[in-house]
Amino acid sequence: MNWGCYLLLCADGSLYTGITNDLERRLIAHGNGTASKYTRSRLPVKPVYWEACQDRSSASRREAEIKKMSRPAKMGLIAGQGNL
């Protein structure tokens, strides 16, 4: 399994952070409104950042780190990687 942490840009301009081991499947679920209560009311969402992690545990730790970041810091992560 290929775990990682991702950021989505929501229709209202907010950012959502999550983890998955199947980004394509998770993005489909977000688009269908079945992945997250938060994103369900903020559709459409656009993937803007992906960071591969070694395992679920490290992905969860990285998710927590990113969630604690300020919006400008998150935007810096996105700018440093470019668009997905």
Protein backbone atom coordinates (compact mmCIF):
# COMPACT_ATOMS: atom_id res chain seq x y z
CA MET A 1 0.00 0.00 0.00
CA ASN A 2 1.16 3.47 -0.87
CA TRP A 3 0.04 5.80 1.94
CA GLY A 4 0.15 9.54 1.67
CA CYS A 5 -1.25 12.85 2.83
CA TYR A 6 -3.19 15.19 0.56
CA LEU A 7 -4.73 18.64 0.47
CA LEU A 8 -7.92 19.59 -1.35
CA LEU A 9 -9.02 23.08 -2.32
CA CYS A 10 -12.76 23.33 -1.65
CA ALA A 11 -15.24 25.45 -3.59
CA ASP A 12 -15.45 27.95 -0.70
CA GLY A 13 -11.65 28.43 -0.77
CA SER A 14 -10.95 26.38 2.34
CA LEU A 15 -8.35 23.60 2.46
CA TYR A 16 -9.05 20.03 3.55
CA THR A 17 -6.26 17.70 4.70
CA GLY A 18 -6.57 13.92 4.65
CA ILE A 19 -4.72 10.63 4.22
CA THR A 20 -5.29 7.67 1.95
CA ASN A 21 -3.64 4.65 0.39
CA ASP A 22 -5.60 5.12 -2.87
CA LEU A 23 -5.77 8.76 -3.92
CA GLU A 24 -7.85 8.18 -7.04
CA ARG A 25 -10.52 6.24 -5.12
CA ARG A 26 -10.55 8.84 -2.34
CA LEU A 27 -10.94 11.73 -4.79
CA ILE A 28 -13.91 9.96 -6.40
CA ALA A 29 -15.46 9.51 -2.96
CA HIS A 30 -14.93 13.21 -2.17
CA GLY A 31 -16.51 14.17 -5.50
CA ASN A 32 -19.51 11.95 -4.77
CA GLY A 33 -19.90 13.54 -1.34
CA THR A 34 -19.26 10.26 0.49
CA ALA A 35 -15.71 10.74 1.80
CA SER A 36 -16.04 13.55 4.32
CA LYS A 37 -18.80 15.51 6.00
CA TYR A 38 -16.61 18.62 5.68
CA THR A 39 -16.11 18.41 1.93
CA ARG A 40 -19.66 17.22 1.19
CA SER A 41 -20.99 20.75 1.64
CA ARG A 42 -18.03 22.38 -0.13
CA LEU A 43 -18.09 20.70 -3.53
CA PRO A 44 -16.46 20.71 -5.94
CA VAL A 45 -13.03 19.99 -4.51
CA LYS A 46 -9.71 20.05 -6.34
CA PRO A 47 -6.58 18.10 -5.32
CA VAL A 48 -3.69 20.53 -4.87
CA TYR A 49 -1.06 18.62 -2.85
CA TRP A 50 0.15 15.05 -2.37
CA GLU A 51 2.96 13.81 -0.14
CA ALA A 52 3.91 10.13 -0.10
CA CYS A 53 4.50 8.52 3.30
CA GLN A 54 6.02 5.19 4.34
CA ASP A 55 2.95 3.82 6.11
CA ARG A 56 -0.40 4.75 7.65
CA SER A 57 1.20 5.83 10.90
CA SER A 58 3.59 8.29 9.25
CA ALA A 59 0.75 9.57 7.02
CA SER A 60 -1.37 10.25 10.11
CA ARG A 61 1.49 12.07 11.82
CA ARG A 62 2.09 14.19 8.73
CA GLU A 63 -1.64 14.94 8.45
CA ALA A 64 -1.62 16.22 12.05
CA GLU A 65 1.43 18.40 11.31
CA ILE A 66 -0.18 19.92 8.23
CA LYS A 67 -3.48 20.55 10.02
CA LYS A 68 -1.58 22.59 12.62
CA MET A 69 0.01 24.79 9.93
CA SER A 70 -1.27 28.24 9.12
CA ARG A 71 -3.03 28.77 5.81
CA PRO A 72 -0.01 30.67 4.38
CA ALA A 73 2.25 27.73 5.31
CA LYS A 74 -0.15 25.29 3.60
CA MET A 75 -0.22 27.50 0.52
CA GLY A 76 3.59 27.39 0.57
CA LEU A 77 3.49 23.59 0.48
CA ILE A 78 1.14 23.74 -2.50
CA ALA A 79 3.26 26.34 -4.32
CA GLY A 80 6.42 24.31 -3.74
CA GLN A 81 4.96 21.23 -5.37
CA GLY A 82 2.88 22.78 -8.13
CA ASN A 83 -0.59 21.60 -9.04
CA LEU A 84 -1.64 17.95 -9.17
